[in-house]
Amino acid sequence: MAEGRLRILLTDDEEAPVPIHVVSPEGRRAPAKTRAFVDLAAARLRADPRVNPAA
């Protein structure tokens, strides 16, 4: 789709965006791998127009 070779069909059937939450225990620092995953996921989700229409 980004290259313009594909088109979205049936746009009336698209669901509304839903919030996505990451939950971790309070009072503990997240392991480095967890923090890296959260940072990566947040960046990708913010850039994805299917999740963030403002992207």
N, C-alpha and C. Protein backbone atom coordinates (compact mmCIF):
# COMPACT_ATOMS: atom_id res chain seq x y z
N MET A 1 0.81 -1.18 0.00
CA MET A 1 0.00 0.00 0.00
C MET A 1 0.86 1.26 0.00
N ALA A 2 1.96 1.23 0.71
CA ALA A 2 2.82 2.41 0.78
C ALA A 2 3.37 2.78 -0.59
N GLU A 3 3.58 1.79 -1.45
CA GLU A 3 4.10 2.05 -2.79
C GLU A 3 2.99 2.42 -3.77
N GLY A 4 1.74 2.36 -3.34
CA GLY A 4 0.63 2.73 -4.20
C GLY A 4 0.17 1.63 -5.13
N ARG A 5 0.70 0.43 -4.97
CA ARG A 5 0.30 -0.67 -5.86
C ARG A 5 -0.92 -1.41 -5.33
N LEU A 6 -1.21 -1.26 -4.06
CA LEU A 6 -2.37 -1.90 -3.47
C LEU A 6 -3.35 -0.84 -3.01
N ARG A 7 -4.61 -1.20 -2.99
CA ARG A 7 -5.63 -0.28 -2.52
C ARG A 7 -6.42 -0.95 -1.41
N ILE A 8 -6.89 -0.15 -0.47
CA ILE A 8 -7.73 -0.67 0.60
C ILE A 8 -9.15 -0.78 0.06
N LEU A 9 -9.74 -1.95 0.21
CA LEU A 9 -11.12 -2.19 -0.19
C LEU A 9 -11.98 -2.33 1.05
N LEU A 10 -13.26 -2.16 0.89
CA LEU A 10 -14.22 -2.34 1.97
C LEU A 10 -13.89 -1.47 3.18
N THR A 11 -13.62 -0.20 2.92
CA THR A 11 -13.26 0.70 4.02
C THR A 11 -14.41 0.89 5.01
N ASP A 12 -15.64 0.65 4.58
CA ASP A 12 -16.78 0.78 5.49
C ASP A 12 -16.75 -0.28 6.58
N ASP A 13 -16.01 -1.36 6.36
CA ASP A 13 -15.96 -2.45 7.33
C ASP A 13 -14.79 -2.33 8.30
N GLU A 14 -14.00 -1.27 8.21
CA GLU A 14 -12.86 -1.11 9.11
C GLU A 14 -13.35 -0.79 10.51
N GLU A 15 -12.69 -1.37 11.49
CA GLU A 15 -13.01 -1.11 12.89
C GLU A 15 -12.36 0.20 13.33
N ALA A 16 -12.95 0.82 14.34
CA ALA A 16 -12.37 2.03 14.91
C ALA A 16 -11.09 1.65 15.66
N PRO A 17 -10.12 2.56 15.70
CA PRO A 17 -8.89 2.27 16.45
C PRO A 17 -9.19 2.01 17.92
N VAL A 18 -8.42 1.15 18.53
CA VAL A 18 -8.58 0.86 19.96
C VAL A 18 -7.28 1.20 20.67
N PRO A 19 -7.38 1.63 21.92
CA PRO A 19 -6.15 1.93 22.66
C PRO A 19 -5.36 0.66 22.95
N ILE A 20 -4.07 0.80 23.01
CA ILE A 20 -3.19 -0.31 23.33
C ILE A 20 -2.41 0.09 24.58
N HIS A 21 -2.39 -0.80 25.56
CA HIS A 21 -1.72 -0.51 26.83
C HIS A 21 -0.63 -1.53 27.11
N VAL A 22 0.44 -1.08 27.72
CA VAL A 22 1.49 -1.97 28.22
C VAL A 22 1.46 -1.84 29.73
N VAL A 23 1.34 -2.97 30.41
CA VAL A 23 1.22 -2.96 31.87
C VAL A 23 2.42 -3.68 32.46
N SER A 24 2.98 -3.09 33.51
CA SER A 24 4.10 -3.73 34.21
C SER A 24 3.94 -3.50 35.70
N PRO A 25 4.57 -4.31 36.52
CA PRO A 25 4.46 -4.14 37.97
C PRO A 25 5.00 -2.78 38.41
N GLU A 26 4.30 -2.15 39.35
CA GLU A 26 4.73 -0.85 39.85
C GLU A 26 5.92 -1.02 40.79
N GLY A 27 6.81 -0.06 40.75
CA GLY A 27 7.92 -0.05 41.68
C GLY A 27 9.13 -0.85 41.23
N ARG A 28 9.06 -1.45 40.06
CA ARG A 28 10.21 -2.21 39.55
C ARG A 28 10.64 -1.61 38.22
N ARG A 29 11.92 -1.60 37.98
CA ARG A 29 12.42 -1.18 36.66
C ARG A 29 12.24 -2.34 35.71
N ALA A 30 11.78 -2.02 34.54
CA ALA A 30 11.60 -3.06 33.52
C ALA A 30 12.97 -3.52 33.03
N PRO A 31 13.12 -4.81 32.76
CA PRO A 31 14.38 -5.29 32.17
C PRO A 31 14.65 -4.57 30.85
N ALA A 32 15.90 -4.49 30.46
CA ALA A 32 16.30 -3.78 29.24
C ALA A 32 15.58 -4.33 28.01
N LYS A 33 15.40 -5.64 27.92
CA LYS A 33 14.71 -6.22 26.77
C LYS A 33 13.25 -5.79 26.72
N THR A 34 12.61 -5.71 27.89
CA THR A 34 11.22 -5.26 27.95
C THR A 34 11.13 -3.80 27.53
N ARG A 35 12.01 -2.97 28.04
CA ARG A 35 12.02 -1.54 27.69
C ARG A 35 12.25 -1.36 26.19
N ALA A 36 13.18 -2.14 25.63
CA ALA A 36 13.46 -2.05 24.19
C ALA A 36 12.23 -2.43 23.38
N PHE A 37 11.53 -3.50 23.82
CA PHE A 37 10.31 -3.91 23.11
C PHE A 37 9.25 -2.82 23.17
N VAL A 38 9.04 -2.26 24.35
CA VAL A 38 8.02 -1.22 24.51
C VAL A 38 8.36 -0.01 23.64
N ASP A 39 9.62 0.40 23.64
CA ASP A 39 10.03 1.54 22.81
C ASP A 39 9.82 1.26 21.32
N LEU A 40 10.19 0.07 20.88
CA LEU A 40 10.01 -0.31 19.47
C LEU A 40 8.53 -0.37 19.11
N ALA A 41 7.74 -1.03 19.95
CA ALA A 41 6.31 -1.16 19.67
C ALA A 41 5.64 0.21 19.64
N ALA A 42 5.97 1.07 20.58
CA ALA A 42 5.37 2.41 20.61
C ALA A 42 5.70 3.19 19.35
N ALA A 43 6.94 3.15 18.92
CA ALA A 43 7.34 3.88 17.71
C ALA A 43 6.62 3.35 16.48
N ARG A 44 6.53 2.04 16.37
CA ARG A 44 5.87 1.45 15.19
C ARG A 44 4.37 1.71 15.21
N LEU A 45 3.75 1.64 16.37
CA LEU A 45 2.32 1.88 16.46
C LEU A 45 1.99 3.34 16.19
N ARG A 46 2.83 4.26 16.68
CA ARG A 46 2.60 5.69 16.39
C ARG A 46 2.71 5.99 14.90
N ALA A 47 3.55 5.26 14.19
CA ALA A 47 3.77 5.51 12.76
C ALA A 47 2.77 4.76 11.88
N ASP A 48 1.96 3.89 12.44
CA ASP A 48 1.04 3.07 11.66
C ASP A 48 -0.32 3.75 11.56
N PRO A 49 -0.73 4.20 10.37
CA PRO A 49 -2.01 4.90 10.24
C PRO A 49 -3.23 4.03 10.57
N ARG A 50 -3.06 2.72 10.57
CA ARG A 50 -4.19 1.86 10.96
C ARG A 50 -4.46 1.97 12.45
N VAL A 51 -3.43 2.28 13.22
CA VAL A 51 -3.56 2.40 14.67
C VAL A 51 -3.67 3.87 15.07
N ASN A 52 -2.92 4.72 14.40
CA ASN A 52 -2.87 6.14 14.70
C ASN A 52 -3.23 6.92 13.44
N PRO A 53 -4.51 7.26 13.26
CA PRO A 53 -4.93 7.95 12.04
C PRO A 53 -4.19 9.26 11.78
N ALA A 54 -3.60 9.85 12.80
CA ALA A 54 -2.86 11.11 12.63
C ALA A 54 -1.47 10.88 12.05
N ALA A 55 -1.06 9.62 11.90
CA ALA A 55 0.30 9.32 11.40
C ALA A 55 0.45 9.69 9.94
